C-alpha atoms as a PDB file:
ATOM      1  CA  MET A   1      -4.493  12.684  -1.203  1.00  0.00           C
ATOM      2  CA  LYS A   2      -5.789  15.074   1.405  1.00  0.00           C
ATOM      3  CA  THR A   3      -4.789  14.872   5.047  1.00  0.00           C
ATOM      4  CA  LEU A   4      -8.388  14.133   6.090  1.00  0.00           C
ATOM      5  CA  ASP A   5      -8.602  11.249   3.595  1.00  0.00           C
ATOM      6  CA  LEU A   6      -5.371   9.758   4.896  1.00  0.00           C
ATOM      7  CA  THR A   7      -6.496  10.172   8.497  1.00  0.00           C
ATOM      8  CA  MET A   8      -9.837   8.520   7.827  1.00  0.00           C
ATOM      9  CA  ALA A   9      -8.141   5.677   5.945  1.00  0.00           C
ATOM     10  CA  LEU A  10      -5.884   5.049   8.946  1.00  0.00           C
ATOM     11  CA  VAL A  11      -8.842   5.219  11.360  1.00  0.00           C
ATOM     12  CA  VAL A  12     -10.879   2.771   9.273  1.00  0.00           C
ATOM     13  CA  GLY A  13      -7.871   0.440   8.998  1.00  0.00           C
ATOM     14  CA  GLY A  14      -7.300   0.619  12.756  1.00  0.00           C
ATOM     15  CA  VAL A  15     -10.957  -0.108  13.512  1.00  0.00           C
ATOM     16  CA  PHE A  16     -10.884  -3.112  11.174  1.00  0.00           C
ATOM     17  CA  ALA A  17      -7.645  -4.371  12.766  1.00  0.00           C
ATOM     18  CA  VAL A  18      -9.108  -4.139  16.283  1.00  0.00           C
ATOM     19  CA  GLY A  19     -12.297  -5.879  15.138  1.00  0.00           C
ATOM     20  CA  VAL A  20     -10.439  -8.768  13.503  1.00  0.00           C
ATOM     21  CA  TYR A  21      -8.178  -9.130  16.548  1.00  0.00           C
ATOM     22  CA  LEU A  22     -11.181  -9.354  18.864  1.00  0.00           C
ATOM     23  CA  LEU A  23     -12.875 -11.885  16.586  1.00  0.00           C
ATOM     24  CA  THR A  24      -9.897 -14.223  16.836  1.00  0.00           C
ATOM     25  CA  GLN A  25     -10.116 -14.445  20.633  1.00  0.00           C
ATOM     26  CA  ARG A  26     -11.556 -17.530  22.330  1.00  0.00           C
ATOM     27  CA  SER A  27     -13.998 -15.580  24.491  1.00  0.00           C
ATOM     28  CA  LEU A  28     -17.506 -15.291  23.051  1.00  0.00           C
ATOM     29  CA  MET A  29     -17.965 -11.790  24.457  1.00  0.00           C
ATOM     30  CA  ARG A  30     -14.750 -10.572  22.817  1.00  0.00           C
ATOM     31  CA  GLY A  31     -15.906 -12.129  19.565  1.00  0.00           C
ATOM     32  CA  LEU A  32     -19.207 -10.297  19.880  1.00  0.00           C
ATOM     33  CA  LEU A  33     -17.406  -7.016  20.575  1.00  0.00           C
ATOM     34  CA  GLY A  34     -15.157  -7.680  17.574  1.00  0.00           C
ATOM     35  CA  PHE A  35     -18.207  -8.118  15.365  1.00  0.00           C
ATOM     36  CA  ILE A  36     -19.683  -4.850  16.657  1.00  0.00           C
ATOM     37  CA  VAL A  37     -16.395  -2.996  16.042  1.00  0.00           C
ATOM     38  CA  LEU A  38     -16.236  -4.446  12.518  1.00  0.00           C
ATOM     39  CA  GLY A  39     -19.784  -3.219  11.916  1.00  0.00           C
ATOM     40  CA  HIS A  40     -18.740   0.289  12.933  1.00  0.00           C
ATOM     41  CA  GLY A  41     -15.706  -0.004  10.652  1.00  0.00           C
ATOM     42  CA  VAL A  42     -17.941  -0.888   7.714  1.00  0.00           C
ATOM     43  CA  ASN A  43     -20.157   2.116   8.448  1.00  0.00           C
ATOM     44  CA  LEU A  44     -17.121   4.415   8.564  1.00  0.00           C
ATOM     45  CA  LEU A  45     -15.795   2.954   5.325  1.00  0.00           C
ATOM     46  CA  LEU A  46     -19.112   3.511   3.575  1.00  0.00           C
ATOM     47  CA  LEU A  47     -19.370   7.081   4.818  1.00  0.00           C
ATOM     48  CA  VAL A  48     -15.794   7.853   3.755  1.00  0.00           C
ATOM     49  CA  ALA A  49     -16.517   6.338   0.338  1.00  0.00           C
ATOM     50  CA  GLY A  50     -19.512   8.671  -0.023  1.00  0.00           C
ATOM     51  CA  GLY A  51     -17.293  11.657  -0.627  1.00  0.00           C
ATOM     52  CA  PRO A  52     -17.079  15.022   1.075  1.00  0.00           C
ATOM     53  CA  PRO A  53     -19.915  15.960   3.438  1.00  0.00           C
ATOM     54  CA  GLY A  54     -22.156  18.972   3.037  1.00  0.00           C
ATOM     55  CA  GLU A  55     -23.937  18.327  -0.239  1.00  0.00           C
ATOM     56  CA  PRO A  56     -27.484  16.977  -0.128  1.00  0.00           C
ATOM     57  CA  PRO A  57     -27.870  13.569  -1.731  1.00  0.00           C
ATOM     58  CA  LEU A  58     -30.556  14.407  -4.303  1.00  0.00           C
ATOM     59  CA  VAL A  59     -31.170  18.170  -4.360  1.00  0.00           C
ATOM     60  CA  SER A  60     -28.383  20.630  -5.056  1.00  0.00           C
ATOM     61  CA  ASP A  61     -28.292  24.165  -3.614  1.00  0.00           C
ATOM     62  CA  GLY A  62     -28.918  25.863  -6.912  1.00  0.00           C
ATOM     63  CA  GLY A  63     -26.258  26.544  -9.464  1.00  0.00           C
ATOM     64  CA  LYS A  64     -26.211  24.773 -12.778  1.00  0.00           C
ATOM     65  CA  GLY A  65     -28.106  21.756 -11.538  1.00  0.00           C
ATOM     66  CA  GLY A  66     -25.670  19.417 -13.241  1.00  0.00           C
ATOM     67  CA  VAL A  67     -24.854  15.901 -12.213  1.00  0.00           C
ATOM     68  CA  GLU A  68     -21.577  16.987 -10.604  1.00  0.00           C
ATOM     69  CA  ASP A  69     -23.529  19.034  -8.010  1.00  0.00           C
ATOM     70  CA  TYR A  70     -25.199  15.939  -6.541  1.00  0.00           C
ATOM     71  CA  ALA A  71     -23.793  13.767  -3.798  1.00  0.00           C
ATOM     72  CA  ASP A  72     -23.931   9.995  -4.166  1.00  0.00           C
ATOM     73  CA  PRO A  73     -26.865   8.579  -2.128  1.00  0.00           C
ATOM     74  CA  LEU A  74     -25.765   4.941  -2.442  1.00  0.00           C
ATOM     75  CA  PRO A  75     -23.180   4.960   0.408  1.00  0.00           C
ATOM     76  CA  GLN A  76     -25.739   6.499   2.747  1.00  0.00           C
ATOM     77  CA  ALA A  77     -28.304   3.830   1.882  1.00  0.00           C
ATOM     78  CA  MET A  78     -25.709   1.087   2.261  1.00  0.00           C
ATOM     79  CA  ALA A  79     -24.644   2.479   5.659  1.00  0.00           C
ATOM     80  CA  LEU A  80     -28.259   2.359   6.873  1.00  0.00           C
ATOM     81  CA  THR A  81     -28.564  -1.208   5.600  1.00  0.00           C
ATOM     82  CA  ALA A  82     -25.290  -2.165   7.303  1.00  0.00           C
ATOM     83  CA  ILE A  83     -26.545  -0.697  10.582  1.00  0.00           C
ATOM     84  CA  VAL A  84     -29.733  -2.774  10.439  1.00  0.00           C
ATOM     85  CA  ILE A  85     -27.896  -5.984   9.506  1.00  0.00           C
ATOM     86  CA  THR A  86     -25.251  -5.441  12.204  1.00  0.00           C
ATOM     87  CA  PHE A  87     -27.964  -4.868  14.815  1.00  0.00           C
ATOM     88  CA  GLY A  88     -29.827  -8.030  13.854  1.00  0.00           C
ATOM     89  CA  VAL A  89     -26.751 -10.254  13.811  1.00  0.00           C
ATOM     90  CA  THR A  90     -25.489  -8.693  17.055  1.00  0.00           C
ATOM     91  CA  THR A  91     -28.706  -9.548  18.892  1.00  0.00           C
ATOM     92  CA  PHE A  92     -28.535 -13.108  17.535  1.00  0.00           C
ATOM     93  CA  LEU A  93     -24.886 -13.508  18.619  1.00  0.00           C
ATOM     94  CA  LEU A  94     -25.698 -12.026  22.013  1.00  0.00           C
ATOM     95  CA  ALA A  95     -28.467 -14.591  22.482  1.00  0.00           C
ATOM     96  CA  LEU A  96     -26.074 -17.400  21.462  1.00  0.00           C
ATOM     97  CA  ALA A  97     -23.377 -16.169  23.845  1.00  0.00           C
ATOM     98  CA  TYR A  98     -25.880 -15.905  26.700  1.00  0.00           C
ATOM     99  CA  ARG A  99     -27.166 -19.406  26.025  1.00  0.00           C
ATOM    100  CA  ALA A 100     -23.627 -20.801  25.926  1.00  0.00           C
ATOM    101  CA  TRP A 101     -22.822 -19.045  29.200  1.00  0.00           C
ATOM    102  CA  ARG A 102     -25.965 -20.439  30.848  1.00  0.00           C
ATOM    103  CA  LEU A 103     -25.125 -23.977  29.721  1.00  0.00           C
ATOM    104  CA  SER A 104     -21.408 -24.046  30.497  1.00  0.00           C
ATOM    105  CA  GLY A 105     -20.936 -21.298  33.113  1.00  0.00           C
ATOM    106  CA  HIS A 106     -18.208 -19.478  31.152  1.00  0.00           C
ATOM    107  CA  ASP A 107     -17.776 -17.910  27.757  1.00  0.00           C
ATOM    108  CA  GLU A 108     -14.536 -19.569  26.666  1.00  0.00           C
ATOM    109  CA  VAL A 109     -14.716 -21.657  23.523  1.00  0.00           C
ATOM    110  CA  ARG A 110     -13.153 -25.052  24.183  1.00  0.00           C
ATOM    111  CA  ASP A 111     -11.577 -27.370  21.656  1.00  0.00           C
ATOM    112  CA  ASP A 112     -14.025 -29.759  20.098  1.00  0.00           C
ATOM    113  CA  PRO A 113     -12.950 -33.405  20.557  1.00  0.00           C
ATOM    114  CA  GLU A 114     -14.647 -34.353  17.301  1.00  0.00           C
ATOM    115  CA  ASP A 115     -12.504 -31.863  15.407  1.00  0.00           C
ATOM    116  CA  ARG A 116      -9.379 -33.359  16.928  1.00  0.00           C
ATOM    117  CA  ARG A 117     -10.563 -36.869  16.086  1.00  0.00           C
ATOM    118  CA  ILE A 118     -11.089 -36.146  12.385  1.00  0.00           C
ATOM    119  CA  GLY A 119      -8.015 -33.947  11.976  1.00  0.00           C
ATOM    120  CA  THR A 120      -5.187 -34.981   9.712  1.00  0.00           C
ATOM    121  CA  VAL A 121      -2.522 -37.349  10.996  1.00  0.00           C
ATOM    122  CA  SER A 122       0.142 -34.652  11.050  1.00  0.00           C
ATOM    123  CA  GLU A 123      -2.040 -32.405  13.229  1.00  0.00           C
ATOM    124  CA  ARG A 124      -2.920 -35.027  15.818  1.00  0.00           C
ATOM    125  CA  ALA A 125      -0.561 -35.663  18.708  1.00  0.00           C
ATOM    126  CA  ASP A 126      -2.216 -38.966  19.606  1.00  0.00           C
ATOM    127  CA  ALA A 127      -2.081 -40.377  16.072  1.00  0.00           C
ATOM    128  CA  GLU A 128      -0.729 -43.827  15.479  1.00  0.00           C
ATOM    129  CA  PRO A 129       2.076 -44.171  12.967  1.00  0.00           C
ATOM    130  CA  ALA A 130       0.930 -45.085   9.473  1.00  0.00           C
ATOM    131  CA  PRO A 131       1.325 -48.793   8.630  1.00  0.00           C
ATOM    132  CA  GLU A 132       4.140 -49.745   6.305  1.00  0.00           C
ATOM    133  CA  PRO A 133       2.992 -50.819   2.850  1.00  0.00           C
ATOM    134  CA  ALA A 134       3.026 -54.580   2.405  1.00  0.00           C
ATOM    135  CA  ALA A 135       5.869 -56.002   0.357  1.00  0.00           C
ATOM    136  CA  ASP A 136       4.605 -57.045  -3.031  1.00  0.00           C
ATOM    137  CA  SER A 137       6.012 -59.798  -5.189  1.00  0.00           C
ATOM    138  CA  ARG A 138       5.162 -57.991  -8.426  1.00  0.00           C
ATOM    139  CA  ALA A 139       7.751 -56.028 -10.311  1.00  0.00           C
ATOM    140  CA  PRO A 140       7.497 -52.228 -10.282  1.00  0.00           C
ATOM    141  CA  GLY A 141       5.112 -50.969 -12.930  1.00  0.00           C
ATOM    142  CA  GLU A 142       3.015 -54.143 -13.063  1.00  0.00           C
ATOM    143  CA  GLY A 143      -0.670 -53.582 -12.450  1.00  0.00           C
ATOM    144  CA  ALA A 144      -3.021 -55.649 -10.373  1.00  0.00           C
ATOM    145  CA  PRO A 145      -4.420 -58.795 -12.037  1.00  0.00           C
END
Protein backbone atom coordinates (compact mmCIF):
# COMPACT_ATOMS: atom_id res chain seq x y z
CA MET A 1 0.00 0.00 0.00
CA LYS A 2 1.32 3.39 -0.96
CA THR A 3 1.69 6.23 1.51
CA LEU A 4 -0.87 8.34 -0.38
CA ASP A 5 -3.42 5.50 -0.27
CA LEU A 6 -2.94 5.09 3.47
CA THR A 7 -3.19 8.83 4.02
CA MET A 8 -6.38 9.09 2.00
CA ALA A 9 -7.87 6.09 3.81
CA LEU A 10 -7.18 7.78 7.15
CA VAL A 11 -8.63 11.09 5.91
CA VAL A 12 -11.79 9.40 4.62
CA GLY A 13 -12.14 7.47 7.89
CA GLY A 14 -11.68 10.66 9.91
CA VAL A 15 -14.26 12.54 7.84
CA PHE A 16 -16.75 9.70 8.30
CA ALA A 17 -16.07 9.60 12.06
CA VAL A 18 -16.66 13.36 12.41
CA GLY A 19 -19.85 13.11 10.33
CA VAL A 20 -21.28 10.26 12.39
CA TYR A 21 -20.37 12.05 15.63
CA LEU A 22 -22.17 15.20 14.51
CA LEU A 23 -25.22 13.19 13.43
CA THR A 24 -25.59 11.73 16.92
CA GLN A 25 -25.89 15.16 18.55
CA ARG A 26 -29.27 16.48 19.71
CA SER A 27 -28.94 19.80 17.89
CA LEU A 28 -30.58 19.90 14.46
CA MET A 29 -27.87 22.17 13.06
CA ARG A 30 -25.12 19.78 14.16
CA GLY A 31 -27.05 16.94 12.59
CA LEU A 32 -27.28 18.90 9.36
CA LEU A 33 -23.55 19.63 9.45
CA GLY A 34 -22.90 15.94 10.13
CA PHE A 35 -24.91 15.00 7.05
CA ILE A 36 -22.95 17.50 4.94
CA VAL A 37 -19.62 16.15 6.25
CA LEU A 38 -20.75 12.59 5.50
CA GLY A 39 -21.63 13.68 1.96
CA HIS A 40 -18.11 15.04 1.52
CA GLY A 41 -16.72 11.79 2.93
CA VAL A 42 -18.67 9.79 0.36
CA ASN A 43 -17.33 12.00 -2.43
CA LEU A 44 -13.76 11.51 -1.19
CA LEU A 45 -14.28 7.76 -0.94
CA LEU A 46 -15.59 7.58 -4.49
CA LEU A 47 -12.72 9.64 -5.85
CA VAL A 48 -10.15 7.53 -3.99
CA ALA A 49 -11.81 4.38 -5.33
CA GLY A 50 -11.46 5.74 -8.88
CA GLY A 51 -7.75 5.08 -8.91
CA PRO A 52 -4.79 7.33 -9.61
CA PRO A 53 -5.53 10.74 -11.14
CA GLY A 54 -4.19 11.95 -14.46
CA GLU A 55 -5.69 9.53 -16.96
CA PRO A 56 -8.74 10.64 -18.94
CA PRO A 57 -11.82 8.53 -18.30
CA LEU A 58 -12.56 7.44 -21.88
CA VAL A 59 -9.72 8.52 -24.18
CA SER A 60 -6.14 7.44 -23.57
CA ASP A 61 -3.11 9.55 -24.56
CA GLY A 62 -2.02 7.24 -27.32
CA GLY A 63 -0.01 4.11 -26.78
CA LYS A 64 -1.48 0.71 -27.37
CA GLY A 65 -5.05 1.81 -26.80
CA GLY A 66 -5.71 -1.19 -24.59
CA VAL A 67 -8.23 -1.42 -21.82
CA GLU A 68 -5.56 -0.96 -19.16
CA ASP A 69 -4.88 2.59 -20.46
CA TYR A 70 -8.39 3.79 -19.57
CA ALA A 71 -9.46 5.20 -16.24
CA ASP A 72 -12.72 4.02 -14.70
CA PRO A 73 -15.49 6.60 -15.32
CA LEU A 74 -17.96 5.04 -12.88
CA PRO A 75 -16.56 6.62 -9.67
CA GLN A 76 -16.64 10.05 -11.30
CA ALA A 77 -20.27 9.60 -12.33
CA MET A 78 -21.18 8.30 -8.89
CA ALA A 79 -19.44 11.28 -7.24
CA LEU A 80 -21.48 13.69 -9.36
CA THR A 81 -24.65 11.82 -8.45
CA ALA A 82 -23.70 11.88 -4.76
CA ILE A 83 -23.14 15.64 -4.95
CA VAL A 84 -26.60 16.21 -6.42
CA ILE A 85 -28.32 13.92 -3.90
CA THR A 86 -26.44 15.46 -0.96
CA PHE A 87 -27.41 18.96 -2.12
CA GLY A 88 -31.08 18.04 -2.44
CA VAL A 89 -31.30 16.31 0.94
CA THR A 90 -29.31 19.12 2.59
CA THR A 91 -31.76 21.77 1.39
CA PHE A 92 -34.67 19.63 2.63
CA LEU A 93 -33.04 19.14 6.05
CA LEU A 94 -32.23 22.83 6.24
CA ALA A 95 -35.88 23.68 5.60
CA LEU A 96 -36.96 21.19 8.30
CA ALA A 97 -34.48 22.61 10.81
CA TYR A 98 -35.60 26.17 10.06
CA ARG A 99 -39.24 25.21 10.48
CA ALA A 100 -38.52 23.46 13.77
CA TRP A 101 -36.60 26.50 15.00
CA ARG A 102 -39.47 28.83 14.03
CA LEU A 103 -42.00 26.65 15.86
CA SER A 104 -40.06 25.93 19.05
CA GLY A 105 -37.49 28.76 19.25
CA HIS A 106 -34.49 26.41 19.56
CA ASP A 107 -32.93 23.59 17.61
CA GLU A 108 -32.59 20.99 20.37
CA VAL A 109 -34.45 17.75 19.84
CA ARG A 110 -36.47 16.94 22.95
CA ASP A 111 -37.58 13.53 24.12
CA ASP A 112 -40.91 12.48 22.73
CA PRO A 113 -43.40 11.61 25.50
CA GLU A 114 -45.12 9.11 23.22
CA ASP A 115 -41.87 7.21 22.80
CA ARG A 116 -41.45 7.03 26.56
CA ARG A 117 -45.04 5.88 26.98
CA ILE A 118 -44.72 2.94 24.58
CA GLY A 119 -41.21 1.95 25.66
CA THR A 120 -40.56 -1.39 27.28
CA VAL A 121 -41.13 -1.81 31.00
CA SER A 122 -37.42 -2.12 31.74
CA GLU A 123 -36.70 1.19 29.99
CA ARG A 124 -39.38 3.21 31.74
CA ALA A 125 -38.65 4.76 35.11
CA ASP A 126 -42.32 5.39 35.85
CA ALA A 127 -43.44 1.84 35.06
CA GLU A 128 -45.62 -0.03 37.48
CA PRO A 129 -44.41 -3.41 38.64
CA ALA A 130 -45.79 -6.33 36.65
CA PRO A 131 -48.71 -8.12 38.36
CA GLU A 132 -48.00 -11.49 39.91
CA PRO A 133 -49.52 -14.41 38.01
CA ALA A 134 -52.68 -15.72 39.65
CA ALA A 135 -52.35 -18.96 41.57
CA ASP A 136 -53.91 -21.77 39.61
CA SER A 137 -55.47 -24.89 41.03
CA ARG A 138 -54.40 -27.03 38.07
CA ALA A 139 -51.36 -29.22 38.24
CA PRO A 140 -48.29 -28.19 36.24
CA GLY A 141 -48.51 -29.36 32.65
CA GLU A 142 -52.32 -29.45 32.53
CA GLY A 143 -53.82 -27.38 29.76
CA ALA A 144 -56.83 -25.14 29.90
CA PRO A 145 -60.23 -26.85 29.62
